[in-house]
Amino acid sequence: MAATANGDVITVPTFTGTPEQLWRIDQLTDGTYRIMPKVVPDSGKKLALVSSGDSTPTLAEFDFTSDNSKWNFKAH
């Protein structure tokens, strides 16, 4: 998975360790998680992984009041 300059998230065939392929996962005070790429190419913005309904996840500014930018992990 990698962040692109236009704020999309893409899959990549091989992990190369480039900054746009590195992700940070922060646990928030409500127990959910924020997922952020280390770098968004050609952007100085700090963006987070967001999803609206069943849409494909993309990158946008993090909004703590929105469930679209909070994630949960489940053990299967």
PDB file of N, CA and C in Angstrom:
ATOM      1  N   MET A   1       0.854  -1.156   0.000  1.00  0.00           N
ATOM      2  CA  MET A   1       0.000   0.000   0.000  1.00  0.00           C
ATOM      3  C   MET A   1       0.905   1.226   0.000  1.00  0.00           C
ATOM      4  N   ALA A   2       0.507   2.260  -0.750  1.00  0.00           N
ATOM      5  CA  ALA A   2       1.307   3.472  -0.822  1.00  0.00           C
ATOM      6  C   ALA A   2       0.402   4.688  -1.006  1.00  0.00           C
ATOM      7  N   ALA A   3       0.844   5.823  -0.487  1.00  0.00           N
ATOM      8  CA  ALA A   3       0.149   7.091  -0.680  1.00  0.00           C
ATOM      9  C   ALA A   3       0.643   7.720  -1.976  1.00  0.00           C
ATOM     10  N   THR A   4      -0.264   8.379  -2.704  1.00  0.00           N
ATOM     11  CA  THR A   4       0.124   9.071  -3.935  1.00  0.00           C
ATOM     12  C   THR A   4       0.006  10.579  -3.745  1.00  0.00           C
ATOM     13  N   ALA A   5       0.615  11.329  -4.658  1.00  0.00           N
ATOM     14  CA  ALA A   5       0.616  12.787  -4.582  1.00  0.00           C
ATOM     15  C   ALA A   5      -0.788  13.388  -4.645  1.00  0.00           C
ATOM     16  N   ASN A   6      -1.721  12.707  -5.296  1.00  0.00           N
ATOM     17  CA  ASN A   6      -3.082  13.252  -5.396  1.00  0.00           C
ATOM     18  C   ASN A   6      -4.011  12.743  -4.283  1.00  0.00           C
ATOM     19  N   GLY A   7      -3.442  12.157  -3.224  1.00  0.00           N
ATOM     20  CA  GLY A   7      -4.230  11.755  -2.065  1.00  0.00           C
ATOM     21  C   GLY A   7      -4.931  10.425  -2.191  1.00  0.00           C
ATOM     22  N   ASP A   8      -4.502   9.614  -3.124  1.00  0.00           N
ATOM     23  CA  ASP A   8      -5.074   8.280  -3.263  1.00  0.00           C
ATOM     24  C   ASP A   8      -4.206   7.266  -2.526  1.00  0.00           C
ATOM     25  N   VAL A   9      -4.775   6.111  -2.309  1.00  0.00           N
ATOM     26  CA  VAL A   9      -4.050   4.986  -1.731  1.00  0.00           C
ATOM     27  C   VAL A   9      -4.051   3.889  -2.782  1.00  0.00           C
ATOM     28  N   ILE A  10      -2.869   3.375  -3.096  1.00  0.00           N
ATOM     29  CA  ILE A  10      -2.754   2.340  -4.113  1.00  0.00           C
ATOM     30  C   ILE A  10      -2.052   1.114  -3.532  1.00  0.00           C
ATOM     31  N   THR A  11      -2.278  -0.015  -4.171  1.00  0.00           N
ATOM     32  CA  THR A  11      -1.503  -1.197  -3.825  1.00  0.00           C
ATOM     33  C   THR A  11      -0.271  -1.221  -4.705  1.00  0.00           C
ATOM     34  N   VAL A  12       0.802  -1.715  -4.171  1.00  0.00           N
ATOM     35  CA  VAL A  12       2.048  -1.830  -4.921  1.00  0.00           C
ATOM     36  C   VAL A  12       2.488  -3.285  -4.922  1.00  0.00           C
ATOM     37  N   PRO A  13       3.085  -3.744  -6.016  1.00  0.00           N
ATOM     38  CA  PRO A  13       3.433  -5.168  -6.106  1.00  0.00           C
ATOM     39  C   PRO A  13       4.556  -5.602  -5.164  1.00  0.00           C
ATOM     40  N   THR A  14       5.446  -4.659  -4.827  1.00  0.00           N
ATOM     41  CA  THR A  14       6.604  -5.006  -4.010  1.00  0.00           C
ATOM     42  C   THR A  14       6.865  -3.917  -2.983  1.00  0.00           C
ATOM     43  N   PHE A  15       7.144  -4.315  -1.756  1.00  0.00           N
ATOM     44  CA  PHE A  15       7.533  -3.354  -0.728  1.00  0.00           C
ATOM     45  C   PHE A  15       8.983  -2.964  -0.958  1.00  0.00           C
ATOM     46  N   THR A  16       9.214  -1.661  -1.121  1.00  0.00           N
ATOM     47  CA  THR A  16      10.573  -1.164  -1.341  1.00  0.00           C
ATOM     48  C   THR A  16      11.082  -0.333  -0.173  1.00  0.00           C
ATOM     49  N   GLY A  17      10.191  -0.002   0.769  1.00  0.00           N
ATOM     50  CA  GLY A  17      10.593   0.771   1.932  1.00  0.00           C
ATOM     51  C   GLY A  17      10.596   2.268   1.710  1.00  0.00           C
ATOM     52  N   THR A  18      10.056   2.734   0.584  1.00  0.00           N
ATOM     53  CA  THR A  18      10.004   4.176   0.347  1.00  0.00           C
ATOM     54  C   THR A  18       9.060   4.819   1.359  1.00  0.00           C
ATOM     55  N   PRO A  19       9.269   6.093   1.697  1.00  0.00           N
ATOM     56  CA  PRO A  19       8.457   6.737   2.738  1.00  0.00           C
ATOM     57  C   PRO A  19       6.948   6.678   2.489  1.00  0.00           C
ATOM     58  N   GLU A  20       6.509   6.725   1.239  1.00  0.00           N
ATOM     59  CA  GLU A  20       5.071   6.684   0.967  1.00  0.00           C
ATOM     60  C   GLU A  20       4.476   5.293   1.178  1.00  0.00           C
ATOM     61  N   GLN A  21       5.331   4.288   1.406  1.00  0.00           N
ATOM     62  CA  GLN A  21       4.862   2.937   1.710  1.00  0.00           C
ATOM     63  C   GLN A  21       4.869   2.654   3.215  1.00  0.00           C
ATOM     64  N   LEU A  22       5.361   3.584   4.005  1.00  0.00           N
ATOM     65  CA  LEU A  22       5.424   3.402   5.455  1.00  0.00           C
ATOM     66  C   LEU A  22       4.219   4.058   6.106  1.00  0.00           C
ATOM     67  N   TRP A  23       3.595   3.360   7.047  1.00  0.00           N
ATOM     68  CA  TRP A  23       2.366   3.829   7.667  1.00  0.00           C
ATOM     69  C   TRP A  23       2.502   3.868   9.176  1.00  0.00           C
ATOM     70  N   ARG A  24       1.837   4.826   9.781  1.00  0.00           N
ATOM     71  CA  ARG A  24       1.834   5.012  11.233  1.00  0.00           C
ATOM     72  C   ARG A  24       0.424   4.732  11.736  1.00  0.00           C
ATOM     73  N   ILE A  25       0.312   3.959  12.806  1.00  0.00           N
ATOM     74  CA  ILE A  25      -0.983   3.637  13.399  1.00  0.00           C
ATOM     75  C   ILE A  25      -0.973   4.155  14.837  1.00  0.00           C
ATOM     76  N   ASP A  26      -1.875   5.094  15.119  1.00  0.00           N
ATOM     77  CA  ASP A  26      -1.981   5.691  16.451  1.00  0.00           C
ATOM     78  C   ASP A  26      -3.291   5.273  17.098  1.00  0.00           C
ATOM     79  N   GLN A  27      -3.228   4.790  18.334  1.00  0.00           N
ATOM     80  CA  GLN A  27      -4.461   4.509  19.060  1.00  0.00           C
ATOM     81  C   GLN A  27      -4.970   5.812  19.655  1.00  0.00           C
ATOM     82  N   LEU A  28      -6.252   6.097  19.441  1.00  0.00           N
ATOM     83  CA  LEU A  28      -6.878   7.324  19.922  1.00  0.00           C
ATOM     84  C   LEU A  28      -7.513   7.100  21.281  1.00  0.00           C
ATOM     85  N   THR A  29      -7.901   8.177  21.932  1.00  0.00           N
ATOM     86  CA  THR A  29      -8.453   8.085  23.285  1.00  0.00           C
ATOM     87  C   THR A  29      -9.755   7.309  23.348  1.00  0.00           C
ATOM     88  N   ASP A  30     -10.483   7.193  22.233  1.00  0.00           N
ATOM     89  CA  ASP A  30     -11.735   6.435  22.241  1.00  0.00           C
ATOM     90  C   ASP A  30     -11.539   4.957  21.892  1.00  0.00           C
ATOM     91  N   GLY A  31     -10.283   4.524  21.737  1.00  0.00           N
ATOM     92  CA  GLY A  31      -9.980   3.123  21.454  1.00  0.00           C
ATOM     93  C   GLY A  31      -9.889   2.784  19.977  1.00  0.00           C
ATOM     94  N   THR A  32     -10.251   3.721  19.101  1.00  0.00           N
ATOM     95  CA  THR A  32     -10.108   3.507  17.660  1.00  0.00           C
ATOM     96  C   THR A  32      -8.689   3.894  17.239  1.00  0.00           C
ATOM     97  N   TYR A  33      -8.408   3.741  15.948  1.00  0.00           N
ATOM     98  CA  TYR A  33      -7.064   4.011  15.442  1.00  0.00           C
ATOM     99  C   TYR A  33      -7.093   4.988  14.275  1.00  0.00           C
ATOM    100  N   ARG A  34      -6.041   5.797  14.195  1.00  0.00           N
ATOM    101  CA  ARG A  34      -5.803   6.680  13.055  1.00  0.00           C
ATOM    102  C   ARG A  34      -4.647   6.065  12.276  1.00  0.00           C
ATOM    103  N   ILE A  35      -4.795   5.972  10.952  1.00  0.00           N
ATOM    104  CA  ILE A  35      -3.761   5.396  10.092  1.00  0.00           C
ATOM    105  C   ILE A  35      -3.278   6.483   9.143  1.00  0.00           C
ATOM    106  N   MET A  36      -1.977   6.758   9.182  1.00  0.00           N
ATOM    107  CA  MET A  36      -1.413   7.842   8.379  1.00  0.00           C
ATOM    108  C   MET A  36      -0.170   7.375   7.630  1.00  0.00           C
ATOM    109  N   PRO A  37      -0.012   7.799   6.376  1.00  0.00           N
ATOM    110  CA  PRO A  37       1.243   7.501   5.686  1.00  0.00           C
ATOM    111  C   PRO A  37       2.354   8.381   6.252  1.00  0.00           C
ATOM    112  N   LYS A  38       3.573   7.882   6.232  1.00  0.00           N
ATOM    113  CA  LYS A  38       4.696   8.680   6.703  1.00  0.00           C
ATOM    114  C   LYS A  38       4.844   9.927   5.842  1.00  0.00           C
ATOM    115  N   VAL A  39       4.641   9.772   4.540  1.00  0.00           N
ATOM    116  CA  VAL A  39       4.792  10.878   3.592  1.00  0.00           C
ATOM    117  C   VAL A  39       3.708  10.788   2.532  1.00  0.00           C
ATOM    118  N   VAL A  40       3.163  11.940   2.173  1.00  0.00           N
ATOM    119  CA  VAL A  40       2.315  12.057   0.987  1.00  0.00           C
ATOM    120  C   VAL A  40       3.171  12.799  -0.028  1.00  0.00           C
ATOM    121  N   PRO A  41       3.575  12.144  -1.126  1.00  0.00           N
ATOM    122  CA  PRO A  41       4.485  12.779  -2.086  1.00  0.00           C
ATOM    123  C   PRO A  41       3.991  14.149  -2.553  1.00  0.00           C
ATOM    124  N   ASP A  42       4.920  15.086  -2.655  1.00  0.00           N
ATOM    125  CA  ASP A  42       4.651  16.449  -3.142  1.00  0.00           C
ATOM    126  C   ASP A  42       3.609  17.188  -2.305  1.00  0.00           C
ATOM    127  N   SER A  43       3.499  16.853  -1.030  1.00  0.00           N
ATOM    128  CA  SER A  43       2.539  17.510  -0.153  1.00  0.00           C
ATOM    129  C   SER A  43       3.152  17.687   1.223  1.00  0.00           C
ATOM    130  N   GLY A  44       2.903  18.819   1.822  1.00  0.00           N
ATOM    131  CA  GLY A  44       3.363  19.063   3.187  1.00  0.00           C
ATOM    132  C   GLY A  44       2.284  18.754   4.207  1.00  0.00           C
ATOM    133  N   LYS A  45       1.130  18.280   3.731  1.00  0.00           N
ATOM    134  CA  LYS A  45       0.008  18.024   4.620  1.00  0.00           C
ATOM    135  C   LYS A  45       0.143  16.683   5.336  1.00  0.00           C
ATOM    136  N   LYS A  46      -0.386  16.643   6.548  1.00  0.00           N
ATOM    137  CA  LYS A  46      -0.501  15.396   7.310  1.00  0.00           C
ATOM    138  C   LYS A  46      -1.892  14.836   7.019  1.00  0.00           C
ATOM    139  N   LEU A  47      -1.964  13.781   6.245  1.00  0.00           N
ATOM    140  CA  LEU A  47      -3.241  13.194   5.867  1.00  0.00           C
ATOM    141  C   LEU A  47      -3.412  11.832   6.519  1.00  0.00           C
ATOM    142  N   ALA A  48      -4.656  11.428   6.672  1.00  0.00           N
ATOM    143  CA  ALA A  48      -4.988  10.143   7.291  1.00  0.00           C
ATOM    144  C   ALA A  48      -5.842   9.327   6.338  1.00  0.00           C
ATOM    145  N   LEU A  49      -5.854   8.028   6.547  1.00  0.00           N
ATOM    146  CA  LEU A  49      -6.684   7.125   5.766  1.00  0.00           C
ATOM    147  C   LEU A  49      -8.143   7.318   6.185  1.00  0.00           C
ATOM    148  N   VAL A  50      -9.012   7.607   5.219  1.00  0.00           N
ATOM    149  CA  VAL A  50     -10.439   7.804   5.501  1.00  0.00           C
ATOM    150  C   VAL A  50     -11.278   6.991   4.526  1.00  0.00           C
ATOM    151  N   SER A  51     -12.479   6.664   4.953  1.00  0.00           N
ATOM    152  CA  SER A  51     -13.408   5.933   4.103  1.00  0.00           C
ATOM    153  C   SER A  51     -14.806   6.450   4.384  1.00  0.00           C
ATOM    154  N   SER A  52     -15.593   6.578   3.349  1.00  0.00           N
ATOM    155  CA  SER A  52     -16.974   7.018   3.494  1.00  0.00           C
ATOM    156  C   SER A  52     -17.891   5.890   3.026  1.00  0.00           C
ATOM    157  N   GLY A  53     -18.580   5.264   3.955  1.00  0.00           N
ATOM    158  CA  GLY A  53     -19.449   4.141   3.600  1.00  0.00           C
ATOM    159  C   GLY A  53     -18.640   2.982   3.067  1.00  0.00           C
ATOM    160  N   ASP A  54     -19.059   2.467   1.930  1.00  0.00           N
ATOM    161  CA  ASP A  54     -18.364   1.336   1.313  1.00  0.00           C
ATOM    162  C   ASP A  54     -17.393   1.775   0.227  1.00  0.00           C
ATOM    163  N   SER A  55     -17.010   3.043   0.224  1.00  0.00           N
ATOM    164  CA  SER A  55     -16.121   3.540  -0.825  1.00  0.00           C
ATOM    165  C   SER A  55     -14.684   3.074  -0.602  1.00  0.00           C
ATOM    166  N   THR A  56     -13.878   3.229  -1.612  1.00  0.00           N
ATOM    167  CA  THR A  56     -12.460   2.901  -1.518  1.00  0.00           C
ATOM    168  C   THR A  56     -11.780   3.922  -0.606  1.00  0.00           C
ATOM    169  N   PRO A  57     -10.980   3.474   0.353  1.00  0.00           N
ATOM    170  CA  PRO A  57     -10.288   4.421   1.232  1.00  0.00           C
ATOM    171  C   PRO A  57      -9.402   5.381   0.439  1.00  0.00           C
ATOM    172  N   THR A  58      -9.297   6.589   0.950  1.00  0.00           N
ATOM    173  CA  THR A  58      -8.460   7.619   0.352  1.00  0.00           C
ATOM    174  C   THR A  58      -7.792   8.385   1.482  1.00  0.00           C
ATOM    175  N   LEU A  59      -7.086   9.441   1.164  1.00  0.00           N
ATOM    176  CA  LEU A  59      -6.423  10.250   2.178  1.00  0.00           C
ATOM    177  C   LEU A  59      -7.105  11.606   2.291  1.00  0.00           C
ATOM    178  N   ALA A  60      -7.254  12.074   3.530  1.00  0.00           N
ATOM    179  CA  ALA A  60      -7.836  13.388   3.795  1.00  0.00           C
ATOM    180  C   ALA A  60      -7.337  13.845   5.165  1.00  0.00           C
ATOM    181  N   GLU A  61      -7.609  15.107   5.474  1.00  0.00           N
ATOM    182  CA  GLU A  61      -7.221  15.599   6.788  1.00  0.00           C
ATOM    183  C   GLU A  61      -8.019  14.853   7.855  1.00  0.00           C
ATOM    184  N   PHE A  62      -7.360  14.540   8.960  1.00  0.00           N
ATOM    185  CA  PHE A  62      -7.979  13.780  10.038  1.00  0.00           C
ATOM    186  C   PHE A  62      -9.015  14.637  10.753  1.00  0.00           C
ATOM    187  N   ASP A  63     -10.186  14.041  11.046  1.00  0.00           N
ATOM    188  CA  ASP A  63     -11.253  14.702  11.777  1.00  0.00           C
ATOM    189  C   ASP A  63     -11.684  13.779  12.912  1.00  0.00           C
ATOM    190  N   PHE A  64     -11.328  14.129  14.146  1.00  0.00           N
ATOM    191  CA  PHE A  64     -11.634  13.272  15.284  1.00  0.00           C
ATOM    192  C   PHE A  64     -13.136  13.083  15.474  1.00  0.00           C
ATOM    193  N   THR A  65     -13.941  14.037  15.028  1.00  0.00           N
ATOM    194  CA  THR A  65     -15.388  13.945  15.213  1.00  0.00           C
ATOM    195  C   THR A  65     -16.062  13.060  14.174  1.00  0.00           C
ATOM    196  N   SER A  66     -15.327  12.601  13.174  1.00  0.00           N
ATOM    197  CA  SER A  66     -15.899  11.777  12.109  1.00  0.00           C
ATOM    198  C   SER A  66     -15.444  10.330  12.238  1.00  0.00           C
ATOM    199  N   ASP A  67     -16.395   9.402  12.159  1.00  0.00           N
ATOM    200  CA  ASP A  67     -16.048   7.986  12.178  1.00  0.00           C
ATOM    201  C   ASP A  67     -15.352   7.555  10.884  1.00  0.00           C
ATOM    202  N   ASN A  68     -15.413   8.378   9.839  1.00  0.00           N
ATOM    203  CA  ASN A  68     -14.794   8.035   8.555  1.00  0.00           C
ATOM    204  C   ASN A  68     -13.273   7.994   8.626  1.00  0.00           C
ATOM    205  N   SER A  69     -12.689   8.621   9.643  1.00  0.00           N
ATOM    206  CA  SER A  69     -11.226   8.619   9.740  1.00  0.00           C
ATOM    207  C   SER A  69     -10.728   7.834  10.956  1.00  0.00           C
ATOM    208  N   LYS A  70     -11.622   7.032  11.528  1.00  0.00           N
ATOM    209  CA  LYS A  70     -11.243   6.182  12.663  1.00  0.00           C
ATOM    210  C   LYS A  70     -11.400   4.727  12.250  1.00  0.00           C
ATOM    211  N   TRP A  71     -10.479   3.888  12.713  1.00  0.00           N
ATOM    212  CA  TRP A  71     -10.456   2.475  12.308  1.00  0.00           C
ATOM    213  C   TRP A  71     -10.427   1.587  13.524  1.00  0.00           C
ATOM    214  N   ASN A  72     -10.956   0.370  13.376  1.00  0.00           N
ATOM    215  CA  ASN A  72     -10.913  -0.668  14.405  1.00  0.00           C
ATOM    216  C   ASN A  72     -10.240  -1.903  13.820  1.00  0.00           C
ATOM    217  N   PHE A  73      -9.577  -2.641  14.673  1.00  0.00           N
ATOM    218  CA  PHE A  73      -8.948  -3.896  14.276  1.00  0.00           C
ATOM    219  C   PHE A  73      -9.653  -5.042  15.000  1.00  0.00           C
ATOM    220  N   LYS A  74      -9.854  -6.138  14.307  1.00  0.00           N
ATOM    221  CA  LYS A  74     -10.471  -7.315  14.896  1.00  0.00           C
ATOM    222  C   LYS A  74      -9.565  -8.519  14.702  1.00  0.00           C
ATOM    223  N   ALA A  75      -9.504  -9.363  15.698  1.00  0.00           N
ATOM    224  CA  ALA A  75      -8.751 -10.611  15.586  1.00  0.00           C
ATOM    225  C   ALA A  75      -9.667 -11.649  14.935  1.00  0.00           C
ATOM    226  N   HIS A  76      -9.155 -12.346  13.966  1.00  0.00           N
ATOM    227  CA  HIS A  76      -9.951 -13.395  13.298  1.00  0.00           C
ATOM    228  C   HIS A  76      -9.270 -14.729  13.441  1.00  0.00           C
TER     229      HIS A  76
END
